[in-house]
């Protein structure tokens, strides 16, 4: 059976072949978690952050209320998504109000977690 590391090595060779042809590519790899991301020439720090946030948001949506921290993750994602979408623009009053609401939700959720009998006992 071929390992993920073998796949990554072959992928790296493919990327190198395109780089030699003038295609600008960047690979971010985390071989411990079997994850590889490939970014093209037009990828910016903001677009890469938006891409990564999509993964975090998906986790928040799919766990929904089945995990005690889902609300923390969800509200933090909403704030981050708005900030990234408006990175080069001004926030509207409505967006600032939504951010403030999410911050209040985060405070409320943190307080609920603080008052749980098992708080601080996670390993």
N, C-alpha and C. Protein backbone atom coordinates (compact mmCIF):
# COMPACT_ATOMS: atom_id res chain seq x y z
N UNK A 1 0.84 -1.19 0.00
CA UNK A 1 0.00 0.00 0.00
C UNK A 1 0.88 1.25 0.00
N UNK A 2 0.49 2.20 -0.80
CA UNK A 2 1.24 3.45 -0.88
C UNK A 2 0.85 4.35 0.28
N UNK A 3 1.83 4.97 0.88
CA UNK A 3 1.56 5.84 2.02
C UNK A 3 1.29 7.27 1.55
N UNK A 4 0.76 8.06 2.45
CA UNK A 4 0.51 9.46 2.15
C UNK A 4 1.82 10.18 1.84
N UNK A 5 2.89 9.78 2.51
CA UNK A 5 4.18 10.40 2.26
C UNK A 5 4.66 10.11 0.83
N UNK A 6 4.37 8.90 0.33
CA UNK A 6 4.70 8.59 -1.07
C UNK A 6 3.89 9.48 -2.01
N UNK A 7 2.60 9.62 -1.72
CA UNK A 7 1.76 10.51 -2.52
C UNK A 7 2.33 11.92 -2.50
N UNK A 8 2.69 12.42 -1.31
CA UNK A 8 3.20 13.78 -1.20
C UNK A 8 4.49 13.95 -2.01
N UNK A 9 5.35 12.95 -1.97
CA UNK A 9 6.59 13.02 -2.73
C UNK A 9 6.28 13.13 -4.24
N UNK A 10 5.34 12.34 -4.73
CA UNK A 10 4.94 12.40 -6.14
C UNK A 10 4.28 13.75 -6.46
N UNK A 11 3.48 14.24 -5.54
CA UNK A 11 2.84 15.54 -5.74
C UNK A 11 3.89 16.64 -5.80
N UNK A 12 4.87 16.57 -4.93
CA UNK A 12 5.94 17.57 -4.92
C UNK A 12 6.68 17.57 -6.26
N UNK A 13 6.92 16.38 -6.81
CA UNK A 13 7.59 16.29 -8.12
C UNK A 13 6.71 16.94 -9.20
N UNK A 14 5.40 16.70 -9.15
CA UNK A 14 4.49 17.32 -10.11
C UNK A 14 4.50 18.84 -9.99
N UNK A 15 4.43 19.33 -8.78
CA UNK A 15 4.45 20.78 -8.54
C UNK A 15 5.77 21.36 -9.04
N UNK A 16 6.88 20.68 -8.75
CA UNK A 16 8.19 21.15 -9.21
C UNK A 16 8.24 21.22 -10.73
N UNK A 17 7.60 20.25 -11.42
CA UNK A 17 7.61 20.26 -12.88
C UNK A 17 6.85 21.48 -13.41
N UNK A 18 5.76 21.84 -12.76
CA UNK A 18 5.01 23.03 -13.19
C UNK A 18 5.76 24.30 -12.83
N UNK A 19 6.45 24.30 -11.71
CA UNK A 19 7.24 25.47 -11.31
C UNK A 19 8.35 25.73 -12.33
N UNK A 20 8.96 24.67 -12.82
CA UNK A 20 10.01 24.83 -13.85
C UNK A 20 9.44 25.41 -15.14
N UNK A 21 8.13 25.24 -15.35
CA UNK A 21 7.47 25.79 -16.54
C UNK A 21 6.94 27.20 -16.30
N UNK A 22 7.22 27.74 -15.12
CA UNK A 22 6.83 29.11 -14.82
C UNK A 22 5.53 29.27 -14.06
N UNK A 23 4.90 28.18 -13.66
CA UNK A 23 3.67 28.27 -12.88
C UNK A 23 4.08 28.40 -11.40
N UNK A 24 3.65 29.51 -10.80
CA UNK A 24 4.01 29.77 -9.42
C UNK A 24 3.04 29.05 -8.48
N UNK A 25 3.55 28.08 -7.75
CA UNK A 25 2.74 27.30 -6.81
C UNK A 25 3.46 27.24 -5.47
N UNK A 26 2.68 27.16 -4.42
CA UNK A 26 3.23 26.98 -3.08
C UNK A 26 2.47 25.86 -2.41
N UNK A 27 3.19 24.98 -1.76
CA UNK A 27 2.59 23.87 -1.03
C UNK A 27 2.78 24.09 0.46
N UNK A 28 1.68 23.97 1.19
CA UNK A 28 1.73 23.92 2.65
C UNK A 28 1.33 22.50 3.04
N UNK A 29 2.22 21.80 3.70
CA UNK A 29 1.95 20.41 4.05
C UNK A 29 2.11 20.19 5.54
N UNK A 30 1.22 19.36 6.06
CA UNK A 30 1.32 18.88 7.43
C UNK A 30 1.20 17.36 7.33
N UNK A 31 2.33 16.72 7.19
CA UNK A 31 2.33 15.28 6.97
C UNK A 31 1.86 14.49 8.19
N UNK A 32 1.95 15.10 9.37
CA UNK A 32 1.45 14.42 10.57
C UNK A 32 -0.06 14.23 10.52
N UNK A 33 -0.75 15.16 9.86
CA UNK A 33 -2.21 15.05 9.77
C UNK A 33 -2.67 14.73 8.35
N UNK A 34 -1.73 14.31 7.49
CA UNK A 34 -2.06 13.94 6.10
C UNK A 34 -2.82 15.06 5.39
N UNK A 35 -2.29 16.28 5.49
CA UNK A 35 -2.93 17.43 4.88
C UNK A 35 -1.94 18.16 3.98
N UNK A 36 -2.43 18.49 2.78
CA UNK A 36 -1.63 19.27 1.83
C UNK A 36 -2.55 20.32 1.22
N UNK A 37 -2.07 21.55 1.17
CA UNK A 37 -2.78 22.62 0.49
C UNK A 37 -1.85 23.19 -0.56
N UNK A 38 -2.41 23.45 -1.74
CA UNK A 38 -1.63 24.01 -2.83
C UNK A 38 -2.22 25.38 -3.17
N UNK A 39 -1.37 26.38 -3.21
CA UNK A 39 -1.80 27.74 -3.50
C UNK A 39 -1.12 28.22 -4.77
N UNK A 40 -1.89 28.92 -5.58
CA UNK A 40 -1.37 29.50 -6.80
C UNK A 40 -0.83 30.90 -6.58
N UNK A 41 -0.39 31.49 -7.66
CA UNK A 41 0.27 32.80 -7.65
C UNK A 41 -0.62 33.89 -7.04
N UNK A 42 -1.92 33.83 -7.26
CA UNK A 42 -2.81 34.89 -6.80
C UNK A 42 -3.28 34.72 -5.36
N UNK A 43 -2.85 33.68 -4.70
CA UNK A 43 -3.25 33.48 -3.30
C UNK A 43 -2.58 34.53 -2.42
N UNK A 44 -3.39 35.17 -1.61
CA UNK A 44 -2.89 36.17 -0.66
C UNK A 44 -3.03 35.62 0.75
N UNK A 45 -2.49 36.32 1.70
CA UNK A 45 -2.65 35.92 3.10
C UNK A 45 -4.12 35.91 3.48
N UNK A 46 -4.87 36.89 2.98
CA UNK A 46 -6.30 36.97 3.31
C UNK A 46 -7.05 35.81 2.66
N UNK A 47 -6.78 35.53 1.38
CA UNK A 47 -7.50 34.43 0.72
C UNK A 47 -7.14 33.08 1.35
N UNK A 48 -5.89 32.92 1.77
CA UNK A 48 -5.50 31.68 2.44
C UNK A 48 -6.19 31.55 3.80
N UNK A 49 -6.32 32.67 4.51
CA UNK A 49 -7.02 32.65 5.80
C UNK A 49 -8.50 32.33 5.60
N UNK A 50 -9.10 32.91 4.56
CA UNK A 50 -10.51 32.61 4.27
C UNK A 50 -10.68 31.14 3.95
N UNK A 51 -9.75 30.57 3.21
CA UNK A 51 -9.81 29.16 2.86
C UNK A 51 -9.73 28.28 4.10
N UNK A 52 -8.80 28.59 4.99
CA UNK A 52 -8.66 27.83 6.23
C UNK A 52 -9.87 27.99 7.13
N UNK A 53 -10.45 29.19 7.14
CA UNK A 53 -11.62 29.44 7.97
C UNK A 53 -12.81 28.61 7.49
N UNK A 54 -12.87 28.32 6.20
CA UNK A 54 -13.95 27.47 5.68
C UNK A 54 -13.92 26.10 6.35
N UNK A 55 -12.73 25.56 6.58
CA UNK A 55 -12.61 24.27 7.25
C UNK A 55 -13.10 24.35 8.69
N UNK A 56 -12.73 25.42 9.37
CA UNK A 56 -13.14 25.60 10.76
C UNK A 56 -14.65 25.80 10.84
N UNK A 57 -15.18 26.59 9.92
CA UNK A 57 -16.62 26.84 9.89
C UNK A 57 -17.39 25.55 9.63
N UNK A 58 -16.88 24.72 8.75
CA UNK A 58 -17.53 23.44 8.47
C UNK A 58 -17.60 22.59 9.74
N UNK A 59 -16.52 22.59 10.51
CA UNK A 59 -16.53 21.86 11.78
C UNK A 59 -17.59 22.42 12.72
N UNK A 60 -17.67 23.74 12.80
CA UNK A 60 -18.68 24.36 13.67
C UNK A 60 -20.09 24.00 13.22
N UNK A 61 -20.33 23.99 11.91
CA UNK A 61 -21.66 23.67 11.39
C UNK A 61 -22.00 22.19 11.59
N UNK A 62 -21.03 21.31 11.38
CA UNK A 62 -21.34 19.88 11.43
C UNK A 62 -21.45 19.36 12.86
N UNK A 63 -20.75 19.97 13.81
CA UNK A 63 -20.89 19.51 15.19
C UNK A 63 -22.13 20.10 15.83
N UNK A 64 -22.55 21.26 15.32
CA UNK A 64 -23.72 21.97 15.85
C UNK A 64 -23.74 21.87 17.37
N UNK A 65 -24.85 21.54 17.93
CA UNK A 65 -24.97 21.56 19.39
C UNK A 65 -24.54 20.25 20.03
N UNK A 66 -23.84 19.42 19.30
CA UNK A 66 -23.43 18.11 19.82
C UNK A 66 -22.13 18.18 20.60
N UNK A 67 -21.51 19.33 20.65
CA UNK A 67 -20.25 19.49 21.39
C UNK A 67 -20.35 20.74 22.25
N UNK A 68 -19.86 20.69 23.47
CA UNK A 68 -20.02 21.85 24.35
C UNK A 68 -19.31 23.12 23.86
N UNK A 69 -18.37 23.01 22.95
CA UNK A 69 -17.63 24.18 22.48
C UNK A 69 -18.10 24.68 21.12
N UNK A 70 -19.12 24.04 20.54
CA UNK A 70 -19.52 24.41 19.19
C UNK A 70 -19.90 25.89 19.09
N UNK A 71 -20.57 26.43 20.10
CA UNK A 71 -21.00 27.83 20.07
C UNK A 71 -19.82 28.78 20.10
N UNK A 72 -18.80 28.42 20.85
CA UNK A 72 -17.58 29.25 20.86
C UNK A 72 -16.97 29.29 19.46
N UNK A 73 -16.85 28.11 18.87
CA UNK A 73 -16.26 28.01 17.54
C UNK A 73 -17.11 28.75 16.51
N UNK A 74 -18.42 28.53 16.56
CA UNK A 74 -19.33 29.14 15.59
C UNK A 74 -19.25 30.67 15.65
N UNK A 75 -19.37 31.25 16.84
CA UNK A 75 -19.36 32.70 16.96
C UNK A 75 -18.01 33.30 16.62
N UNK A 76 -16.94 32.62 16.99
CA UNK A 76 -15.60 33.09 16.62
C UNK A 76 -15.43 33.06 15.10
N UNK A 77 -15.98 32.04 14.46
CA UNK A 77 -15.93 31.95 12.99
C UNK A 77 -16.71 33.08 12.34
N UNK A 78 -17.88 33.39 12.89
CA UNK A 78 -18.70 34.46 12.32
C UNK A 78 -17.96 35.79 12.38
N UNK A 79 -17.32 36.07 13.51
CA UNK A 79 -16.54 37.30 13.65
C UNK A 79 -15.38 37.29 12.66
N UNK A 80 -14.67 36.18 12.59
CA UNK A 80 -13.50 36.08 11.70
C UNK A 80 -13.91 36.20 10.24
N UNK A 81 -15.02 35.57 9.88
CA UNK A 81 -15.50 35.63 8.49
C UNK A 81 -15.81 37.06 8.09
N UNK A 82 -16.50 37.78 8.95
CA UNK A 82 -16.82 39.18 8.66
C UNK A 82 -15.55 40.00 8.54
N UNK A 83 -14.63 39.81 9.46
CA UNK A 83 -13.38 40.57 9.42
C UNK A 83 -12.60 40.30 8.14
N UNK A 84 -12.52 39.05 7.72
CA UNK A 84 -11.78 38.72 6.50
C UNK A 84 -12.49 39.23 5.25
N UNK A 85 -13.82 39.12 5.22
CA UNK A 85 -14.56 39.62 4.06
C UNK A 85 -14.39 41.13 3.90
N UNK A 86 -14.25 41.83 4.99
CA UNK A 86 -14.15 43.29 4.96
C UNK A 86 -12.72 43.79 5.17
N UNK A 87 -11.75 42.90 5.02
CA UNK A 87 -10.35 43.22 5.31
C UNK A 87 -9.89 44.51 4.64
N UNK A 88 -10.34 44.73 3.41
CA UNK A 88 -9.91 45.91 2.65
C UNK A 88 -11.01 46.97 2.56
N UNK A 89 -12.09 46.81 3.31
CA UNK A 89 -13.21 47.74 3.29
C UNK A 89 -13.56 48.13 4.72
N UNK A 90 -14.54 48.98 4.84
CA UNK A 90 -15.03 49.39 6.15
C UNK A 90 -16.20 48.51 6.57
N UNK A 91 -16.27 48.27 7.86
CA UNK A 91 -17.42 47.54 8.41
C UNK A 91 -18.62 48.47 8.48
N UNK A 92 -19.79 47.93 8.17
CA UNK A 92 -21.01 48.72 8.31
C UNK A 92 -21.45 48.70 9.77
N UNK A 93 -22.38 49.57 10.11
CA UNK A 93 -22.92 49.58 11.47
C UNK A 93 -23.56 48.24 11.78
N UNK A 94 -24.28 47.66 10.80
CA UNK A 94 -24.94 46.37 11.00
C UNK A 94 -23.91 45.27 11.27
N UNK A 95 -22.83 45.29 10.54
CA UNK A 95 -21.77 44.28 10.75
C UNK A 95 -21.13 44.44 12.12
N UNK A 96 -20.90 45.66 12.53
CA UNK A 96 -20.33 45.90 13.86
C UNK A 96 -21.32 45.43 14.93
N UNK A 97 -22.62 45.68 14.71
CA UNK A 97 -23.64 45.20 15.65
C UNK A 97 -23.63 43.67 15.73
N UNK A 98 -23.50 43.00 14.58
CA UNK A 98 -23.44 41.53 14.56
C UNK A 98 -22.21 41.03 15.29
N UNK A 99 -21.09 41.70 15.11
CA UNK A 99 -19.86 41.32 15.81
C UNK A 99 -20.06 41.49 17.32
N UNK A 100 -20.64 42.60 17.72
CA UNK A 100 -20.89 42.85 19.15
C UNK A 100 -21.81 41.78 19.72
N UNK A 101 -22.83 41.38 18.95
CA UNK A 101 -23.75 40.33 19.40
C UNK A 101 -22.99 39.02 19.58
N UNK A 102 -22.12 38.69 18.61
CA UNK A 102 -21.33 37.45 18.71
C UNK A 102 -20.39 37.48 19.91
N UNK A 103 -19.84 38.64 20.19
CA UNK A 103 -18.96 38.78 21.35
C UNK A 103 -19.75 38.53 22.64
N UNK A 104 -20.96 39.06 22.71
CA UNK A 104 -21.81 38.81 23.88
C UNK A 104 -22.13 37.32 24.01
N UNK A 105 -22.41 36.69 22.87
CA UNK A 105 -22.66 35.24 22.89
C UNK A 105 -21.43 34.49 23.40
N UNK A 106 -20.25 34.90 22.95
CA UNK A 106 -19.01 34.27 23.43
C UNK A 106 -18.86 34.44 24.94
N UNK A 107 -19.15 35.63 25.42
CA UNK A 107 -19.08 35.88 26.87
C UNK A 107 -20.06 34.98 27.63
N UNK A 108 -21.30 34.90 27.12
CA UNK A 108 -22.31 34.06 27.77
C UNK A 108 -21.90 32.59 27.76
N UNK A 109 -21.39 32.13 26.62
CA UNK A 109 -20.95 30.73 26.52
C UNK A 109 -19.78 30.45 27.45
N UNK A 110 -18.85 31.38 27.53
CA UNK A 110 -17.70 31.20 28.43
C UNK A 110 -18.17 31.13 29.88
N UNK A 111 -19.14 31.95 30.22
CA UNK A 111 -19.66 31.93 31.59
C UNK A 111 -20.36 30.60 31.88
N UNK A 112 -21.12 30.09 30.92
CA UNK A 112 -21.77 28.78 31.10
C UNK A 112 -20.73 27.69 31.29
N UNK A 113 -19.68 27.75 30.49
CA UNK A 113 -18.61 26.75 30.61
C UNK A 113 -17.90 26.87 31.95
N UNK A 114 -17.70 28.08 32.40
CA UNK A 114 -17.03 28.31 33.68
C UNK A 114 -17.84 27.72 34.83
N UNK A 115 -19.16 27.78 34.73
CA UNK A 115 -20.01 27.31 35.83
C UNK A 115 -20.32 25.82 35.76
N UNK A 116 -19.87 25.15 34.69
CA UNK A 116 -20.09 23.70 34.60
C UNK A 116 -19.27 22.98 35.65
N UNK A 117 -19.83 21.91 36.23
CA UNK A 117 -19.10 21.17 37.28
C UNK A 117 -17.78 20.57 36.79
N UNK A 118 -17.71 20.24 35.50
CA UNK A 118 -16.50 19.59 34.98
C UNK A 118 -15.55 20.58 34.31
N UNK A 119 -15.78 21.90 34.47
CA UNK A 119 -14.91 22.88 33.80
C UNK A 119 -13.50 22.79 34.35
N UNK A 120 -12.55 22.89 33.46
CA UNK A 120 -11.15 22.82 33.83
C UNK A 120 -10.62 21.42 34.00
N UNK A 121 -11.46 20.40 33.78
CA UNK A 121 -11.03 19.01 33.99
C UNK A 121 -10.80 18.26 32.68
N UNK A 122 -10.73 18.97 31.54
CA UNK A 122 -10.51 18.30 30.27
C UNK A 122 -9.03 18.05 30.06
N UNK A 123 -8.71 16.92 29.50
CA UNK A 123 -7.31 16.56 29.28
C UNK A 123 -6.96 16.69 27.84
